[in-house]
Amino acid sequence: MVQYYDYVLGVIPLVLVGLTALLTAVGLDLTTAIPVGAGVAALIIGHALFVNMPTHPTAESADTSQRANAE
């Protein structure tokens, strides 16, 4: 099952390479396009880490899921 973080890991290189190529094709210098693409990729990483944080299951939620499976 594909989850949010799988999409994030796929989008990071696509944004970095794709946005850099697009900005270069539009006429922006490569030395400017690469940091812009990297900045957008960094924003995606920051969103995944700090806005939509990964969570670890707690002991209570693990107990609840085990009890639900036992029933």
N, C-alpha and C. Protein backbone atom coordinates (compact mmCIF):
# COMPACT_ATOMS: atom_id res chain seq x y z
N MET A 1 0.85 -1.17 0.00
CA MET A 1 0.00 0.00 0.00
C MET A 1 0.90 1.24 0.00
N VAL A 2 0.66 2.12 -0.93
CA VAL A 2 1.44 3.34 -1.05
C VAL A 2 0.93 4.37 -0.05
N GLN A 3 1.87 4.95 0.70
CA GLN A 3 1.50 5.94 1.71
C GLN A 3 2.08 7.29 1.34
N TYR A 4 1.78 8.27 2.15
CA TYR A 4 2.19 9.65 1.92
C TYR A 4 3.70 9.78 1.74
N TYR A 5 4.46 9.12 2.58
CA TYR A 5 5.91 9.26 2.53
C TYR A 5 6.52 8.58 1.31
N ASP A 6 5.85 7.58 0.76
CA ASP A 6 6.30 7.01 -0.50
C ASP A 6 6.17 8.03 -1.63
N TYR A 7 5.07 8.75 -1.63
CA TYR A 7 4.90 9.81 -2.62
C TYR A 7 5.94 10.92 -2.44
N VAL A 8 6.21 11.29 -1.20
CA VAL A 8 7.20 12.34 -0.93
C VAL A 8 8.56 11.92 -1.47
N LEU A 9 8.96 10.68 -1.21
CA LEU A 9 10.25 10.21 -1.69
C LEU A 9 10.33 10.18 -3.21
N GLY A 10 9.21 9.96 -3.87
CA GLY A 10 9.20 9.99 -5.33
C GLY A 10 9.18 11.39 -5.90
N VAL A 11 8.53 12.31 -5.19
CA VAL A 11 8.38 13.67 -5.70
C VAL A 11 9.66 14.48 -5.55
N ILE A 12 10.47 14.20 -4.55
CA ILE A 12 11.67 15.00 -4.30
C ILE A 12 12.59 15.04 -5.52
N PRO A 13 13.02 13.90 -6.09
CA PRO A 13 13.89 14.00 -7.26
C PRO A 13 13.17 14.55 -8.49
N LEU A 14 11.87 14.26 -8.60
CA LEU A 14 11.12 14.80 -9.74
C LEU A 14 11.08 16.32 -9.71
N VAL A 15 10.85 16.89 -8.55
CA VAL A 15 10.81 18.34 -8.42
C VAL A 15 12.20 18.92 -8.65
N LEU A 16 13.19 18.31 -8.06
CA LEU A 16 14.56 18.83 -8.19
C LEU A 16 15.00 18.85 -9.65
N VAL A 17 14.84 17.75 -10.35
CA VAL A 17 15.27 17.67 -11.75
C VAL A 17 14.28 18.37 -12.67
N GLY A 18 12.99 18.12 -12.47
CA GLY A 18 11.97 18.68 -13.36
C GLY A 18 11.88 20.19 -13.30
N LEU A 19 11.86 20.74 -12.12
CA LEU A 19 11.78 22.20 -11.98
C LEU A 19 13.05 22.87 -12.49
N THR A 20 14.19 22.25 -12.22
CA THR A 20 15.45 22.79 -12.73
C THR A 20 15.45 22.80 -14.25
N ALA A 21 15.01 21.71 -14.86
CA ALA A 21 14.96 21.64 -16.32
C ALA A 21 13.96 22.64 -16.89
N LEU A 22 12.81 22.77 -16.24
CA LEU A 22 11.80 23.72 -16.71
C LEU A 22 12.31 25.16 -16.64
N LEU A 23 12.91 25.51 -15.52
CA LEU A 23 13.43 26.87 -15.38
C LEU A 23 14.57 27.14 -16.35
N THR A 24 15.39 26.13 -16.63
CA THR A 24 16.46 26.29 -17.60
C THR A 24 15.89 26.45 -19.00
N ALA A 25 14.84 25.70 -19.32
CA ALA A 25 14.21 25.80 -20.64
C ALA A 25 13.54 27.16 -20.84
N VAL A 26 13.05 27.74 -19.76
CA VAL A 26 12.40 29.05 -19.84
C VAL A 26 13.43 30.14 -20.08
N GLY A 27 14.67 29.89 -19.69
CA GLY A 27 15.71 30.87 -19.95
C GLY A 27 16.49 31.30 -18.73
N LEU A 28 16.19 30.72 -17.59
CA LEU A 28 16.93 31.05 -16.37
C LEU A 28 18.28 30.34 -16.40
N ASP A 29 19.31 30.97 -15.87
CA ASP A 29 20.63 30.34 -15.83
C ASP A 29 20.58 29.09 -14.96
N LEU A 30 21.43 28.13 -15.31
CA LEU A 30 21.49 26.88 -14.56
C LEU A 30 21.93 27.12 -13.12
N THR A 31 22.81 28.09 -12.92
CA THR A 31 23.29 28.39 -11.57
C THR A 31 22.19 29.00 -10.70
N THR A 32 21.14 29.48 -11.30
CA THR A 32 19.99 29.99 -10.54
C THR A 32 18.89 28.94 -10.44
N ALA A 33 18.72 28.15 -11.50
CA ALA A 33 17.65 27.16 -11.53
C ALA A 33 17.88 26.03 -10.54
N ILE A 34 19.11 25.61 -10.35
CA ILE A 34 19.40 24.50 -9.43
C ILE A 34 19.04 24.87 -7.99
N PRO A 35 19.46 26.03 -7.47
CA PRO A 35 19.05 26.37 -6.09
C PRO A 35 17.55 26.54 -5.92
N VAL A 36 16.86 27.01 -6.94
CA VAL A 36 15.40 27.14 -6.85
C VAL A 36 14.77 25.75 -6.76
N GLY A 37 15.20 24.83 -7.61
CA GLY A 37 14.68 23.46 -7.55
C GLY A 37 15.00 22.79 -6.24
N ALA A 38 16.21 23.00 -5.74
CA ALA A 38 16.60 22.42 -4.46
C ALA A 38 15.81 23.03 -3.31
N GLY A 39 15.51 24.32 -3.40
CA GLY A 39 14.71 24.97 -2.36
C GLY A 39 13.30 24.42 -2.29
N VAL A 40 12.70 24.19 -3.44
CA VAL A 40 11.35 23.62 -3.46
C VAL A 40 11.38 22.19 -2.93
N ALA A 41 12.40 21.41 -3.30
CA ALA A 41 12.54 20.06 -2.77
C ALA A 41 12.72 20.09 -1.26
N ALA A 42 13.48 21.05 -0.75
CA ALA A 42 13.67 21.19 0.69
C ALA A 42 12.36 21.55 1.39
N LEU A 43 11.53 22.36 0.75
CA LEU A 43 10.22 22.68 1.33
C LEU A 43 9.34 21.44 1.42
N ILE A 44 9.41 20.58 0.43
CA ILE A 44 8.63 19.34 0.46
C ILE A 44 9.12 18.45 1.61
N ILE A 45 10.44 18.36 1.76
CA ILE A 45 11.00 17.57 2.86
C ILE A 45 10.58 18.17 4.21
N GLY A 46 10.64 19.49 4.33
CA GLY A 46 10.23 20.15 5.57
C GLY A 46 8.77 19.92 5.89
N HIS A 47 7.93 19.92 4.86
CA HIS A 47 6.51 19.64 5.08
C HIS A 47 6.32 18.23 5.60
N ALA A 48 7.04 17.28 5.01
CA ALA A 48 6.90 15.88 5.43
C ALA A 48 7.42 15.66 6.85
N LEU A 49 8.44 16.42 7.25
CA LEU A 49 9.03 16.21 8.57
C LEU A 49 8.33 16.98 9.68
N PHE A 50 7.88 18.20 9.38
CA PHE A 50 7.41 19.07 10.45
C PHE A 50 5.91 19.37 10.41
N VAL A 51 5.30 19.40 9.25
CA VAL A 51 3.87 19.69 9.17
C VAL A 51 3.06 18.39 9.25
N ASN A 52 3.45 17.41 8.47
CA ASN A 52 2.77 16.12 8.47
C ASN A 52 3.75 15.09 9.03
N MET A 53 3.98 15.19 10.33
CA MET A 53 5.02 14.39 10.99
C MET A 53 4.72 12.91 10.98
N PRO A 54 5.78 12.11 10.81
CA PRO A 54 5.58 10.67 10.99
C PRO A 54 5.33 10.37 12.47
N THR A 55 4.48 9.45 12.74
CA THR A 55 4.15 9.12 14.13
C THR A 55 4.52 7.68 14.40
N HIS A 56 4.90 7.42 15.64
CA HIS A 56 5.18 6.07 16.09
C HIS A 56 3.99 5.60 16.90
N PRO A 57 3.57 4.37 16.70
CA PRO A 57 2.44 3.89 17.50
C PRO A 57 2.81 3.83 18.97
N THR A 58 1.89 4.23 19.81
CA THR A 58 2.11 4.17 21.25
C THR A 58 1.74 2.79 21.75
N ALA A 59 2.08 2.51 22.99
CA ALA A 59 1.76 1.21 23.57
C ALA A 59 0.26 1.00 23.64
N GLU A 60 -0.49 2.08 23.94
CA GLU A 60 -1.95 1.96 24.03
C GLU A 60 -2.56 1.62 22.68
N SER A 61 -2.11 2.28 21.61
CA SER A 61 -2.69 2.01 20.30
C SER A 61 -2.30 0.61 19.83
N ALA A 62 -1.13 0.12 20.19
CA ALA A 62 -0.72 -1.23 19.83
C ALA A 62 -1.59 -2.25 20.57
N ASP A 63 -1.89 -1.99 21.85
CA ASP A 63 -2.77 -2.88 22.60
C ASP A 63 -4.16 -2.91 22.00
N THR A 64 -4.65 -1.76 21.64
CA THR A 64 -6.00 -1.67 21.07
C THR A 64 -6.08 -2.43 19.76
N SER A 65 -5.08 -2.29 18.89
CA SER A 65 -5.12 -2.98 17.61
C SER A 65 -4.98 -4.49 17.79
N GLN A 66 -4.20 -4.93 18.77
CA GLN A 66 -4.06 -6.35 19.03
C GLN A 66 -5.36 -6.94 19.57
N ARG A 67 -6.03 -6.19 20.45
CA ARG A 67 -7.31 -6.65 20.97
C ARG A 67 -8.37 -6.70 19.87
N ALA A 68 -8.34 -5.75 18.97
CA ALA A 68 -9.31 -5.73 17.88
C ALA A 68 -9.08 -6.91 16.95
N ASN A 69 -7.81 -7.27 16.73
CA ASN A 69 -7.52 -8.43 15.87
C ASN A 69 -7.90 -9.73 16.53
N ALA A 70 -7.82 -9.79 17.86
CA ALA A 70 -8.14 -11.03 18.59
C ALA A 70 -9.64 -11.31 18.56
N GLU A 71 -10.44 -10.25 18.47
CA GLU A 71 -11.90 -10.43 18.49
C GLU A 71 -12.37 -10.87 17.17
